[in-house]
Every structure is written in structure tokens, then in C-alpha cells.
Amino acid sequence: MTAPLLASHILAMLFLTPRLLRGSSWTRRAPRLGIGVWTAACLSTLAAVCLAGALLIVPLLTVGHAIISLVLVCDISLHHVSRTTASLAMDVTGAGVIAVIAARILYATTTVALPQRRLRRRHADAVRVLGHRHPTRGDILVLEHPVPAVYCLPTHHRLIVVTEGALALLDPPLLDAVIAHEHAHLRGHHYLITTVTAVLARAFPRLPLFTVANDEVRRLAEMAADDSAARRCTPHTVARALLDLVAGQVPAPVLGMAGVGTAERVRRLLAPSRPISPAARYLAAASATALLVMPIAVPTVPALVDDAAHCPPAVTAGATPRPTH
């Protein structure tokens, strides 16, 4: 039952989930929840594939007991695996699956995440040398550049960069909206989430789940930051600031307000949809949690049942064991 369950889960995540989530309006109405569900789907699929590879090498209960070994202790030797030609072939296949996944993620990390991190650090170093603190707002650095642009740099000091062109273009309410948007990116750690989805999209470029998730998470991250700024200012103010900055260019590895889905975001701000109901929020959060728990529960639940059936109950300290006749 485990193999069909895992296979169904993996196929549904890879090919069905992108169709269902991409066309759902609720993710635009609750972008933070949408980010959570997309991220959970990606991580759940990756964990399920790794679990499937592990189960080709070791039995299901062995994997489960490895997970719960720090909680439950049972001195029974539960498994004896004979090494046959078929079992050795399964071992090689399982190890190959895990090795391929690890190699692809390592490749994507070295070609996406690490170069982006280096670029952000170099850009931050240059900005600190060339820029200057705003006279009345100490949380932003000003660059002498005519092109209007505002973006955040998630380095150690968490910089928000504003060009002279943006200061000349934006009046104080619009500037406040833009800065609130960038602070929302930094507080929400959106750069980490978008880096994870970008790495998975590079590692597995032919799988719809990861490629679609990369685009959707970036779009939803901008919408979530828009919502945060709109709560501090007004949706109309955020929309005006977004339109004013749409012509600005920002460096590739950073998050800027006018970076993704500008037209859709402006329409969303000017004609907001009704928020999703609390019940729908709880359902989405529960779904994300279930996706994350499922690959762990598949081997752990049978192992817990097996422990309950085979391990003797613990004797309470100080109690006298009942004699048997």
C-alpha cells in the first residue's frame, strides 16, 4: 500500500497541484497562505521522492524506527533483510534516486543561490560606499542615480536602497508606501523562500510543480508585501507608487517593488476582492501542514503501531511486576 500511496502523492504533486493552485483565485486573496501551500507542496514532493528511494534500500519499518528512535526504545531486532540479487538491484536504484536528487540540488545551489548571494553582497558593499543615509529616514540608503528605483538587499544589515530619481518622483506618502513594501519583504524573509523555489526550478526544470511554483511564489511575495504596505498606508497609495516605479530597473538578485506582475497587482489593489473566510484560511493552513507531515507520517505511523504490538510496556518505577502463573 505504501508504494502506490507514495507514487500517487508524487504524481499528484508534480502534475495536478500546479493546475489546481495556479488557477485558484484564493491564493491572490491570501498570498501569504498561497506561498505557504506552494512551498509545502514543493518540499513534500521532494521528501516523498527521497522516501521512495530510501524504501528501495531499507524496509518501511526501519525508516520509521529511525525517525522515532530518539523517542521510543525497543530492544527487539525487528528486521532481517536477506541480500538477494533483486534486493541489491533495489538498493542500487534507491541509492541512485537519492544521489540524483542530491546532485541536482547541489548543482542548482551552486549555480543559483550562491551566485545570487555573492551578487547581493557585492552590490551591498558598493551601495554602502557610493550611497548615503537619507537625512530624515535612517532606514534607507540613497544612490545618486536618475532612474527611479527602490529595492531591498537582504544582507546582514538589511538595506533598503532608494535612488535620487525615486526621491524626486515620489511624494512623502508614496515613499512611505514603497518603504513599507520593502520592509515587508525583509520581515517575511521572502528572499529565502524565492531562493528555495528558484533552486528547485533550476534543479528540476522539466517538472511543472517546481517551475510554476517559482513564478507563483515570486508573484505572491510581491502581493503579500503590497498588502502589508496597504495596511500601513492605503491600497490606492500603494498602487500609485507601483505605477510610478514601473519603469525603474533593479538588480536581478534583489526584490524590488515594481519587479513582478505589475498590472495584475495594480488591478488587485484598486479593486480588492473579498478576503477569504476564516474556515478557508484554516483549511489552507491545514493542507500545507498535512503536505509537510505526510512524508514523515508514512513510515512513522506503521513503526509506532509495530512498537505498540512488539515492545513490552514500561514498568512503573517502584512498582512490583505482577507474577505470572
Protein backbone atom coordinates (compact mmCIF):
# COMPACT_ATOMS: atom_id res chain seq x y z
CA MET A 1 0.00 0.00 0.00
CA THR A 2 2.91 2.34 0.73
CA ALA A 3 4.38 2.31 -2.78
CA PRO A 4 1.05 3.15 -4.54
CA LEU A 5 0.36 5.84 -1.94
CA LEU A 6 3.74 7.48 -2.43
CA ALA A 7 3.54 7.21 -6.21
CA SER A 8 0.06 8.76 -6.26
CA HIS A 9 1.19 11.55 -3.96
CA ILE A 10 4.26 12.35 -6.05
CA LEU A 11 2.39 12.34 -9.37
CA ALA A 12 -0.44 14.45 -7.97
CA MET A 13 2.02 16.98 -6.55
CA LEU A 14 4.10 17.18 -9.71
CA PHE A 15 1.35 17.49 -12.30
CA LEU A 16 -2.07 18.07 -10.69
CA THR A 17 -1.19 20.59 -7.98
CA PRO A 18 0.23 23.20 -10.42
CA ARG A 19 -3.03 23.15 -12.39
CA LEU A 20 -5.19 23.49 -9.29
CA LEU A 21 -3.17 26.16 -7.49
CA ARG A 22 -2.22 28.28 -10.49
CA GLY A 23 -5.85 28.80 -11.45
CA SER A 24 -7.07 29.43 -7.90
CA SER A 25 -8.17 32.94 -7.04
CA TRP A 26 -7.84 32.35 -3.30
CA THR A 27 -4.04 32.48 -3.47
CA ARG A 28 -4.31 36.09 -4.74
CA ARG A 29 -6.76 36.90 -1.97
CA ALA A 30 -4.48 35.35 0.69
CA PRO A 31 -0.97 35.49 -0.78
CA ARG A 32 0.86 34.54 2.41
CA LEU A 33 -1.18 31.35 2.68
CA GLY A 34 -0.61 30.74 -1.02
CA ILE A 35 3.14 30.98 -0.52
CA GLY A 36 2.87 28.50 2.35
CA VAL A 37 0.91 25.96 0.30
CA TRP A 38 3.19 26.25 -2.74
CA THR A 39 6.30 25.85 -0.57
CA ALA A 40 4.79 22.93 1.34
CA ALA A 41 3.88 21.19 -1.93
CA CYS A 42 7.44 21.51 -3.23
CA LEU A 43 9.07 20.29 -0.02
CA SER A 44 6.54 17.48 0.41
CA THR A 45 7.19 16.21 -3.11
CA LEU A 46 10.93 16.32 -2.63
CA ALA A 47 10.67 14.47 0.69
CA ALA A 48 8.31 11.86 -0.80
CA VAL A 49 10.70 11.11 -3.67
CA CYS A 50 13.61 10.76 -1.23
CA LEU A 51 11.46 8.49 0.95
CA ALA A 52 10.60 6.35 -2.05
CA GLY A 53 14.30 5.97 -2.79
CA ALA A 54 15.05 5.11 0.84
CA LEU A 55 12.32 2.46 0.88
CA LEU A 56 14.04 0.69 -2.02
CA ILE A 57 17.08 0.28 0.22
CA VAL A 58 15.60 -0.40 3.67
CA PRO A 59 12.17 -1.62 4.85
CA LEU A 60 9.40 0.79 5.75
CA LEU A 61 9.55 -0.02 9.47
CA THR A 62 13.30 0.56 9.55
CA VAL A 63 12.80 4.07 8.20
CA GLY A 64 10.00 4.67 10.68
CA HIS A 65 12.07 3.45 13.63
CA ALA A 66 14.96 5.63 12.52
CA ILE A 67 12.64 8.65 12.78
CA ILE A 68 11.25 7.77 16.21
CA SER A 69 14.38 6.16 17.66
CA LEU A 70 15.03 9.13 19.94
CA VAL A 71 11.52 8.86 21.41
CA LEU A 72 10.78 5.13 21.58
CA VAL A 73 13.29 2.44 22.56
CA CYS A 74 12.68 -1.19 21.72
CA ASP A 75 15.32 -3.85 22.22
CA ILE A 76 13.82 -6.27 19.69
CA SER A 77 15.56 -6.96 16.41
CA LEU A 78 12.61 -6.41 14.09
CA HIS A 79 14.12 -6.81 10.66
CA HIS A 80 16.38 -9.25 8.94
CA VAL A 81 16.95 -8.41 5.32
CA SER A 82 18.41 -11.11 3.13
CA ARG A 83 20.66 -9.86 0.36
CA THR A 84 19.46 -11.27 -2.94
CA THR A 85 20.06 -10.11 -6.49
CA ALA A 86 16.68 -8.41 -6.54
CA SER A 87 17.27 -6.64 -3.22
CA LEU A 88 20.70 -5.46 -4.35
CA ALA A 89 19.15 -4.05 -7.54
CA MET A 90 16.58 -2.21 -5.44
CA ASP A 91 19.37 -0.88 -3.23
CA VAL A 92 21.22 0.47 -6.23
CA THR A 93 18.04 2.01 -7.65
CA GLY A 94 17.12 3.67 -4.36
CA ALA A 95 20.62 5.00 -3.80
CA GLY A 96 20.63 6.28 -7.38
CA VAL A 97 17.36 8.18 -6.89
CA ILE A 98 18.64 9.88 -3.75
CA ALA A 99 22.03 10.59 -5.33
CA VAL A 100 20.46 12.17 -8.42
CA ILE A 101 18.22 14.40 -6.29
CA ALA A 102 21.16 15.45 -4.11
CA ALA A 103 23.36 16.13 -7.14
CA ARG A 104 20.69 18.21 -8.90
CA ILE A 105 20.03 20.31 -5.80
CA LEU A 106 23.77 20.79 -5.24
CA TYR A 107 24.18 21.86 -8.88
CA ALA A 108 21.25 24.30 -8.64
CA THR A 109 22.52 25.73 -5.36
CA THR A 110 25.96 26.41 -6.83
CA THR A 111 24.50 27.98 -9.99
CA VAL A 112 21.60 29.95 -8.45
CA ALA A 113 21.74 30.51 -4.70
CA LEU A 114 25.47 31.06 -4.21
CA PRO A 115 25.93 33.44 -7.18
CA GLN A 116 22.90 35.46 -6.07
CA ARG A 117 24.30 35.70 -2.56
CA ARG A 118 27.67 36.89 -3.88
CA LEU A 119 25.99 39.47 -6.13
CA ARG A 120 23.89 40.80 -3.26
CA ARG A 121 26.95 41.14 -1.04
CA ARG A 122 28.97 42.90 -3.73
CA HIS A 123 26.08 45.20 -4.53
CA ALA A 124 25.56 45.96 -0.83
CA ASP A 125 29.26 46.78 -0.44
CA ALA A 126 29.09 49.13 -3.43
CA VAL A 127 25.90 50.78 -2.17
CA ARG A 128 27.42 51.42 1.26
CA VAL A 129 30.40 53.11 -0.41
CA LEU A 130 28.51 55.11 -3.04
CA GLY A 131 25.28 55.83 -1.18
CA HIS A 132 24.43 57.98 1.81
CA ARG A 133 21.80 57.81 4.53
CA HIS A 134 18.61 59.74 3.96
CA PRO A 135 18.65 62.90 6.12
CA THR A 136 15.30 62.18 7.79
CA ARG A 137 14.93 58.42 7.27
CA GLY A 138 17.81 56.43 8.65
CA ASP A 139 16.41 53.12 7.34
CA ILE A 140 17.20 53.85 3.67
CA LEU A 141 20.33 54.45 1.60
CA VAL A 142 20.20 56.93 -1.25
CA LEU A 143 22.04 56.38 -4.52
CA GLU A 144 22.75 59.25 -6.90
CA HIS A 145 21.09 57.80 -9.98
CA PRO A 146 18.42 59.39 -12.17
CA VAL A 147 16.39 56.20 -12.80
CA PRO A 148 13.64 55.80 -10.17
CA ALA A 149 14.17 52.52 -8.33
CA VAL A 150 13.58 51.16 -4.83
CA TYR A 151 14.64 47.73 -3.64
CA CYS A 152 15.84 45.83 -0.58
CA LEU A 153 19.08 43.96 -0.05
CA PRO A 154 18.68 41.07 2.43
CA THR A 155 22.26 41.16 3.60
CA HIS A 156 23.45 41.24 7.21
CA HIS A 157 22.40 44.88 7.61
CA ARG A 158 19.12 44.56 5.63
CA LEU A 159 19.45 47.58 3.38
CA ILE A 160 16.69 49.44 1.58
CA VAL A 161 18.03 51.36 -1.41
CA VAL A 162 16.33 54.38 -3.00
CA THR A 163 17.69 56.28 -5.98
CA GLU A 164 17.66 60.06 -6.32
CA GLY A 165 15.30 59.59 -9.23
CA ALA A 166 12.80 57.84 -6.97
CA LEU A 167 13.06 60.56 -4.32
CA ALA A 168 12.38 63.20 -6.94
CA LEU A 169 9.41 61.26 -8.29
CA LEU A 170 7.69 60.10 -5.10
CA ASP A 171 5.98 62.44 -2.67
CA PRO A 172 6.22 61.52 1.07
CA PRO A 173 3.06 59.32 1.20
CA LEU A 174 4.18 57.34 -1.84
CA LEU A 175 7.69 56.98 -0.45
CA ASP A 176 6.24 55.69 2.83
CA ALA A 177 4.24 53.08 0.90
CA VAL A 178 7.30 51.94 -1.03
CA ILE A 179 9.46 51.66 2.10
CA ALA A 180 6.69 49.73 3.88
CA HIS A 181 6.59 47.33 0.92
CA GLU A 182 10.33 46.67 1.12
CA HIS A 183 10.24 46.24 4.92
CA ALA A 184 7.52 43.60 4.39
CA HIS A 185 9.89 41.68 2.10
CA LEU A 186 12.59 41.72 4.75
CA ARG A 187 10.28 40.79 7.63
CA GLY A 188 8.72 37.94 5.66
CA HIS A 189 12.12 36.55 4.57
CA HIS A 190 10.75 36.45 1.03
CA TYR A 191 14.28 36.30 -0.39
CA LEU A 192 14.83 32.92 1.31
CA ILE A 193 11.55 31.48 0.01
CA THR A 194 12.12 32.70 -3.54
CA THR A 195 15.67 31.36 -3.46
CA VAL A 196 14.42 27.90 -2.47
CA THR A 197 11.87 27.82 -5.30
CA ALA A 198 14.45 29.16 -7.78
CA VAL A 199 16.88 26.40 -6.76
CA LEU A 200 14.22 23.71 -7.19
CA ALA A 201 13.16 25.13 -10.57
CA ARG A 202 16.77 25.03 -11.76
CA ALA A 203 17.34 21.56 -10.33
CA PHE A 204 14.19 20.06 -11.92
CA PRO A 205 13.35 22.30 -14.91
CA ARG A 206 11.05 19.81 -16.63
CA LEU A 207 8.71 19.25 -13.68
CA PRO A 208 5.68 21.58 -13.71
CA LEU A 209 5.36 21.84 -9.92
CA PHE A 210 8.75 23.44 -9.40
CA THR A 211 8.77 25.68 -12.48
CA VAL A 212 5.28 27.01 -11.84
CA ALA A 213 5.92 27.38 -8.10
CA ASN A 214 8.96 29.56 -8.79
CA ASP A 215 6.88 32.07 -10.80
CA GLU A 216 3.88 31.94 -8.49
CA VAL A 217 5.83 32.37 -5.25
CA ARG A 218 7.62 35.45 -6.59
CA ARG A 219 4.29 36.95 -7.67
CA LEU A 220 2.61 36.12 -4.37
CA ALA A 221 5.54 37.53 -2.39
CA GLU A 222 5.02 40.88 -4.12
CA MET A 223 1.29 40.73 -3.40
CA ALA A 224 1.93 39.92 0.26
CA ALA A 225 4.26 42.92 0.51
CA ASP A 226 1.63 45.07 -1.25
CA ASP A 227 -0.95 44.03 1.35
CA SER A 228 1.39 44.86 4.20
CA ALA A 229 2.10 48.30 2.74
CA ALA A 230 -1.61 48.89 2.10
CA ARG A 231 -2.37 48.26 5.78
CA ARG A 232 0.10 50.98 6.75
CA CYS A 233 -0.93 53.40 4.01
CA THR A 234 -3.86 52.81 1.62
CA PRO A 235 -4.26 50.45 -1.36
CA HIS A 236 -4.65 53.44 -3.67
CA THR A 237 -1.36 54.94 -2.45
CA VAL A 238 0.49 51.65 -2.96
CA ALA A 239 -0.96 51.34 -6.48
CA ARG A 240 0.15 54.88 -7.36
CA ALA A 241 3.67 54.21 -6.08
CA LEU A 242 3.81 50.96 -8.02
CA LEU A 243 2.80 52.69 -11.26
CA ASP A 244 5.31 55.48 -10.72
CA LEU A 245 8.14 52.97 -10.25
CA VAL A 246 7.21 50.57 -13.03
CA ALA A 247 9.86 51.96 -15.36
CA GLY A 248 12.66 51.54 -12.82
CA GLN A 249 15.20 48.75 -13.08
CA VAL A 250 16.62 46.84 -10.11
CA PRO A 251 19.48 44.33 -9.91
CA ALA A 252 18.45 40.77 -10.70
CA PRO A 253 19.09 39.09 -7.33
CA VAL A 254 17.10 41.59 -5.23
CA LEU A 255 13.41 42.17 -4.55
CA GLY A 256 12.04 45.44 -5.89
CA MET A 257 8.52 46.81 -5.69
CA ALA A 258 8.00 47.02 -9.46
CA GLY A 259 9.54 43.67 -10.22
CA VAL A 260 6.76 41.14 -10.96
CA GLY A 261 3.16 41.22 -12.22
CA THR A 262 2.70 44.98 -12.05
CA ALA A 263 -0.58 45.22 -13.98
CA GLU A 264 -2.25 42.41 -12.02
CA ARG A 265 -1.10 43.86 -8.72
CA VAL A 266 -2.41 47.34 -9.55
CA ARG A 267 -5.82 45.91 -10.52
CA ARG A 268 -5.84 43.91 -7.31
CA LEU A 269 -5.09 46.98 -5.19
CA LEU A 270 -7.63 49.24 -6.89
CA ALA A 271 -10.41 46.63 -6.96
CA PRO A 272 -9.73 44.37 -3.96
CA SER A 273 -11.51 41.05 -3.72
CA ARG A 274 -13.36 39.93 -0.62
CA PRO A 275 -10.96 38.28 1.87
CA ILE A 276 -11.27 34.52 2.18
CA SER A 277 -13.26 33.21 5.10
CA PRO A 278 -11.63 32.03 8.35
CA ALA A 279 -12.72 28.48 7.54
CA ALA A 280 -10.92 28.66 4.19
CA ARG A 281 -7.82 30.02 5.90
CA TYR A 282 -7.80 27.16 8.40
CA LEU A 283 -8.32 24.67 5.56
CA ALA A 284 -5.40 26.09 3.57
CA ALA A 285 -3.14 26.10 6.63
CA ALA A 286 -4.17 22.54 7.48
CA SER A 287 -3.49 21.45 3.90
CA ALA A 288 0.02 22.92 3.99
CA THR A 289 0.68 21.21 7.31
CA ALA A 290 -0.65 17.89 6.01
CA LEU A 291 1.60 18.11 2.95
CA LEU A 292 4.65 18.60 5.15
CA VAL A 293 3.68 15.86 7.61
CA MET A 294 2.65 13.23 5.06
CA PRO A 295 6.16 12.02 4.01
CA ILE A 296 7.10 11.69 7.70
CA ALA A 297 3.85 10.00 8.71
CA VAL A 298 4.05 7.28 6.01
CA PRO A 299 6.93 5.41 7.70
CA THR A 300 6.41 6.69 11.25
CA VAL A 301 2.79 5.59 11.83
CA PRO A 302 3.44 1.91 10.93
CA ALA A 303 6.55 1.99 13.14
CA LEU A 304 4.51 3.31 16.07
CA VAL A 305 1.93 0.57 15.53
CA ASP A 306 4.70 -2.01 15.33
CA ASP A 307 6.24 -0.73 18.57
CA ALA A 308 2.89 -0.94 20.31
CA ALA A 309 2.49 -4.54 19.17
CA HIS A 310 6.01 -5.84 19.93
CA CYS A 311 7.59 -3.73 22.68
CA PRO A 312 6.76 -4.68 26.27
CA PRO A 313 5.07 -1.94 28.31
CA ALA A 314 7.36 0.04 30.59
CA VAL A 315 7.23 -0.90 34.28
CA THR A 316 6.41 1.98 36.53
CA ALA A 317 9.30 2.94 38.83
CA GLY A 318 8.89 1.35 42.29
CA ALA A 319 6.10 -0.96 41.21
CA THR A 320 6.33 -4.74 41.66
CA PRO A 321 5.78 -6.69 38.45
CA ARG A 322 2.72 -8.93 38.62
CA PRO A 323 3.75 -12.61 38.81
CA THR A 324 2.69 -14.87 36.00
CA HIS A 325 1.34 -18.38 36.52
